[in-house]
Amino acid sequence: MSEQEKLRIDKYLWAIRLFKTRSMATEACKAGRVKLNGQNVKPSAIVKPGDIYQVSKGIERKVIEVVELLYNRAEAKIAVTKYRDITPVEETHAFKSVFHAPALKRDRGTGRPTKKDRRETDELIRGIFGEDDED
């Protein structure tokens, strides 16, 4: 392999815009949040087209397949073409559903909630999320 053909996984993850900085990609590799075939990957691991990586970022989990190598950070339209997102639909849906929790709204001009209003709101939230009584 020539020098131009070798590409580190941390640099690749940064170049395809999965991480905001290269140091964040390096830290993710060191922390074991980047895996190849179920094995943790060092930041210096060499990327090859066809490799399938599991990447965890907070509660988000992605499974990506390397389509083409990208040596420098590029605009998002180009970066998306360099990998294929093969994350299972169940995991994608689970991630998105976290942010679709019902929002409680009060009508404008009704003033501050009374103690009774707050108790009813707390009871409603406990019913939705199944939380235990904390009082």
C-alpha atoms as a PDB file:
ATOM      1  CA  MET A   1       0.000   0.000   0.000  1.00  0.00           C
ATOM      2  CA  SER A   2       1.289   3.424  -0.846  1.00  0.00           C
ATOM      3  CA  GLU A   3       1.245   6.194   1.727  1.00  0.00           C
ATOM      4  CA  GLN A   4      -1.791   7.867   0.074  1.00  0.00           C
ATOM      5  CA  GLU A   5      -3.824   4.639   0.272  1.00  0.00           C
ATOM      6  CA  LYS A   6      -3.444   4.323   4.056  1.00  0.00           C
ATOM      7  CA  LEU A   7      -6.067   6.118   6.114  1.00  0.00           C
ATOM      8  CA  ARG A   8      -6.589   6.029   9.881  1.00  0.00           C
ATOM      9  CA  ILE A   9     -10.084   5.333  11.251  1.00  0.00           C
ATOM     10  CA  ASP A  10     -10.121   8.481  13.406  1.00  0.00           C
ATOM     11  CA  LYS A  11      -9.301  10.658  10.409  1.00  0.00           C
ATOM     12  CA  TYR A  12     -11.909   8.884   8.271  1.00  0.00           C
ATOM     13  CA  LEU A  13     -14.688   9.316  10.865  1.00  0.00           C
ATOM     14  CA  TRP A  14     -13.813  13.005  11.117  1.00  0.00           C
ATOM     15  CA  ALA A  15     -13.644  13.414   7.315  1.00  0.00           C
ATOM     16  CA  ILE A  16     -17.105  11.873   6.757  1.00  0.00           C
ATOM     17  CA  ARG A  17     -18.486  14.172   9.463  1.00  0.00           C
ATOM     18  CA  LEU A  18     -19.512  11.583  12.053  1.00  0.00           C
ATOM     19  CA  PHE A  19     -17.469  13.557  14.609  1.00  0.00           C
ATOM     20  CA  LYS A  20     -17.026  17.309  14.839  1.00  0.00           C
ATOM     21  CA  THR A  21     -13.282  17.129  15.517  1.00  0.00           C
ATOM     22  CA  ARG A  22     -10.601  14.562  14.878  1.00  0.00           C
ATOM     23  CA  SER A  23      -9.719  14.485  18.568  1.00  0.00           C
ATOM     24  CA  MET A  24     -13.344  13.520  19.366  1.00  0.00           C
ATOM     25  CA  ALA A  25     -13.058  10.656  16.872  1.00  0.00           C
ATOM     26  CA  THR A  26      -9.765   9.588  18.485  1.00  0.00           C
ATOM     27  CA  GLU A  27     -11.328   9.645  21.955  1.00  0.00           C
ATOM     28  CA  ALA A  28     -14.285   7.568  20.731  1.00  0.00           C
ATOM     29  CA  CYS A  29     -11.888   4.932  19.398  1.00  0.00           C
ATOM     30  CA  LYS A  30      -9.882   4.885  22.642  1.00  0.00           C
ATOM     31  CA  ALA A  31     -13.092   4.586  24.699  1.00  0.00           C
ATOM     32  CA  GLY A  32     -14.251   1.551  22.710  1.00  0.00           C
ATOM     33  CA  ARG A  33     -17.171   3.256  20.974  1.00  0.00           C
ATOM     34  CA  VAL A  34     -15.914   2.331  17.503  1.00  0.00           C
ATOM     35  CA  LYS A  35     -15.920  -1.373  16.617  1.00  0.00           C
ATOM     36  CA  LEU A  36     -14.989  -3.491  13.610  1.00  0.00           C
ATOM     37  CA  ASN A  37     -16.558  -6.976  13.637  1.00  0.00           C
ATOM     38  CA  GLY A  38     -17.387  -6.572  17.335  1.00  0.00           C
ATOM     39  CA  GLN A  39     -13.776  -5.746  18.278  1.00  0.00           C
ATOM     40  CA  ASN A  40     -12.653  -2.369  19.607  1.00  0.00           C
ATOM     41  CA  VAL A  41     -10.580  -0.391  17.118  1.00  0.00           C
ATOM     42  CA  LYS A  42      -7.508   1.720  17.857  1.00  0.00           C
ATOM     43  CA  PRO A  43      -7.469   5.240  16.374  1.00  0.00           C
ATOM     44  CA  SER A  44      -4.533   4.223  14.151  1.00  0.00           C
ATOM     45  CA  ALA A  45      -6.368   1.282  12.537  1.00  0.00           C
ATOM     46  CA  ILE A  46      -6.269   1.355   8.734  1.00  0.00           C
ATOM     47  CA  VAL A  47      -9.602   1.763   6.914  1.00  0.00           C
ATOM     48  CA  LYS A  48     -10.387  -0.276   3.806  1.00  0.00           C
ATOM     49  CA  PRO A  49     -13.417  -0.041   1.508  1.00  0.00           C
ATOM     50  CA  GLY A  50     -15.966  -2.689   2.467  1.00  0.00           C
ATOM     51  CA  ASP A  51     -15.226  -2.528   6.220  1.00  0.00           C
ATOM     52  CA  ILE A  52     -18.305  -2.313   8.454  1.00  0.00           C
ATOM     53  CA  TYR A  53     -17.968  -0.250  11.638  1.00  0.00           C
ATOM     54  CA  GLN A  54     -20.320   0.169  14.602  1.00  0.00           C
ATOM     55  CA  VAL A  55     -20.059   3.720  15.960  1.00  0.00           C
ATOM     56  CA  SER A  56     -21.690   4.945  19.195  1.00  0.00           C
ATOM     57  CA  LYS A  57     -22.183   8.654  19.870  1.00  0.00           C
ATOM     58  CA  GLY A  58     -24.095   9.187  23.103  1.00  0.00           C
ATOM     59  CA  ILE A  59     -27.437   7.407  22.678  1.00  0.00           C
ATOM     60  CA  GLU A  60     -27.052   7.335  18.892  1.00  0.00           C
ATOM     61  CA  ARG A  61     -25.716   4.116  17.345  1.00  0.00           C
ATOM     62  CA  LYS A  62     -24.717   3.873  13.691  1.00  0.00           C
ATOM     63  CA  VAL A  63     -23.545   0.995  11.545  1.00  0.00           C
ATOM     64  CA  ILE A  64     -21.616   2.233   8.521  1.00  0.00           C
ATOM     65  CA  GLU A  65     -19.969   0.536   5.575  1.00  0.00           C
ATOM     66  CA  VAL A  66     -16.931   2.213   4.019  1.00  0.00           C
ATOM     67  CA  VAL A  67     -17.663   2.828   0.326  1.00  0.00           C
ATOM     68  CA  GLU A  68     -14.712   5.034  -0.571  1.00  0.00           C
ATOM     69  CA  LEU A  69     -11.829   6.610   1.331  1.00  0.00           C
ATOM     70  CA  LEU A  70     -11.921  10.328   2.121  1.00  0.00           C
ATOM     71  CA  TYR A  71      -8.610  11.830   3.210  1.00  0.00           C
ATOM     72  CA  ASN A  72      -9.698  15.381   4.097  1.00  0.00           C
ATOM     73  CA  ARG A  73     -12.876  16.780   5.602  1.00  0.00           C
ATOM     74  CA  ALA A  74     -15.303  17.655   2.832  1.00  0.00           C
ATOM     75  CA  GLU A  75     -18.703  19.264   2.590  1.00  0.00           C
ATOM     76  CA  ALA A  76     -21.622  17.165   3.815  1.00  0.00           C
ATOM     77  CA  LYS A  77     -22.973  16.355   0.338  1.00  0.00           C
ATOM     78  CA  ILE A  78     -19.667  14.756  -0.646  1.00  0.00           C
ATOM     79  CA  ALA A  79     -19.025  13.117   2.734  1.00  0.00           C
ATOM     80  CA  VAL A  80     -22.341  11.231   2.684  1.00  0.00           C
ATOM     81  CA  THR A  81     -21.370   9.501  -0.566  1.00  0.00           C
ATOM     82  CA  LYS A  82     -18.200   8.021   0.964  1.00  0.00           C
ATOM     83  CA  TYR A  83     -20.037   5.668   3.351  1.00  0.00           C
ATOM     84  CA  ARG A  84     -23.304   3.745   3.485  1.00  0.00           C
ATOM     85  CA  ASP A  85     -25.448   3.901   6.617  1.00  0.00           C
ATOM     86  CA  ILE A  86     -26.711   0.357   7.270  1.00  0.00           C
ATOM     87  CA  THR A  87     -28.076   0.993  10.764  1.00  0.00           C
ATOM     88  CA  PRO A  88     -31.037  -1.316  11.513  1.00  0.00           C
ATOM     89  CA  VAL A  89     -34.388   0.490  11.322  1.00  0.00           C
ATOM     90  CA  GLU A  90     -35.279  -0.475  14.913  1.00  0.00           C
ATOM     91  CA  GLU A  91     -32.247   1.372  16.294  1.00  0.00           C
ATOM     92  CA  THR A  92     -32.874   4.437  14.142  1.00  0.00           C
ATOM     93  CA  HIS A  93     -36.518   4.605  15.184  1.00  0.00           C
ATOM     94  CA  ALA A  94     -35.649   4.135  18.869  1.00  0.00           C
ATOM     95  CA  PHE A  95     -33.242   7.065  18.709  1.00  0.00           C
ATOM     96  CA  LYS A  96     -35.743   9.369  17.041  1.00  0.00           C
ATOM     97  CA  SER A  97     -38.632   8.417  19.348  1.00  0.00           C
ATOM     98  CA  VAL A  98     -36.705   9.721  22.369  1.00  0.00           C
ATOM     99  CA  PHE A  99     -37.148  13.237  21.036  1.00  0.00           C
ATOM    100  CA  HIS A 100     -40.863  12.911  20.286  1.00  0.00           C
ATOM    101  CA  ALA A 101     -42.055  12.924  23.884  1.00  0.00           C
ATOM    102  CA  PRO A 102     -45.292  14.857  24.352  1.00  0.00           C
ATOM    103  CA  ALA A 103     -44.836  18.492  25.288  1.00  0.00           C
ATOM    104  CA  LEU A 104     -47.148  20.088  27.817  1.00  0.00           C
ATOM    105  CA  LYS A 105     -48.447  23.489  26.786  1.00  0.00           C
ATOM    106  CA  ARG A 106     -50.475  26.068  28.605  1.00  0.00           C
ATOM    107  CA  ASP A 107     -52.692  28.585  26.901  1.00  0.00           C
ATOM    108  CA  ARG A 108     -51.205  32.037  26.652  1.00  0.00           C
ATOM    109  CA  GLY A 109     -52.508  34.469  29.235  1.00  0.00           C
ATOM    110  CA  THR A 110     -53.753  31.869  31.726  1.00  0.00           C
ATOM    111  CA  GLY A 111     -51.180  32.950  34.308  1.00  0.00           C
ATOM    112  CA  ARG A 112     -49.010  30.810  36.506  1.00  0.00           C
ATOM    113  CA  PRO A 113     -50.124  27.250  37.191  1.00  0.00           C
ATOM    114  CA  THR A 114     -51.806  26.685  40.535  1.00  0.00           C
ATOM    115  CA  LYS A 115     -50.737  23.977  42.947  1.00  0.00           C
ATOM    116  CA  LYS A 116     -53.644  21.854  41.705  1.00  0.00           C
ATOM    117  CA  ASP A 117     -52.515  22.354  38.081  1.00  0.00           C
ATOM    118  CA  ARG A 118     -48.991  21.276  38.991  1.00  0.00           C
ATOM    119  CA  ARG A 119     -50.240  18.119  40.745  1.00  0.00           C
ATOM    120  CA  GLU A 120     -52.345  17.202  37.708  1.00  0.00           C
ATOM    121  CA  THR A 121     -49.374  17.790  35.409  1.00  0.00           C
ATOM    122  CA  ASP A 122     -47.106  15.651  37.612  1.00  0.00           C
ATOM    123  CA  GLU A 123     -49.726  12.885  37.654  1.00  0.00           C
ATOM    124  CA  LEU A 124     -50.020  13.022  33.865  1.00  0.00           C
ATOM    125  CA  ILE A 125     -46.242  12.811  33.427  1.00  0.00           C
ATOM    126  CA  ARG A 126     -46.039   9.853  35.827  1.00  0.00           C
ATOM    127  CA  GLY A 127     -48.725   8.099  33.795  1.00  0.00           C
ATOM    128  CA  ILE A 128     -46.901   8.684  30.498  1.00  0.00           C
ATOM    129  CA  PHE A 129     -43.377   7.837  31.620  1.00  0.00           C
ATOM    130  CA  GLY A 130     -44.192   5.417  34.433  1.00  0.00           C
ATOM    131  CA  GLU A 131     -42.102   7.263  37.003  1.00  0.00           C
ATOM    132  CA  ASP A 132     -42.380   6.486  40.694  1.00  0.00           C
ATOM    133  CA  ASP A 133     -43.773   9.026  43.124  1.00  0.00           C
ATOM    134  CA  GLU A 134     -40.840  11.220  44.214  1.00  0.00           C
ATOM    135  CA  ASP A 135     -42.699  13.312  46.842  1.00  0.00           C
END
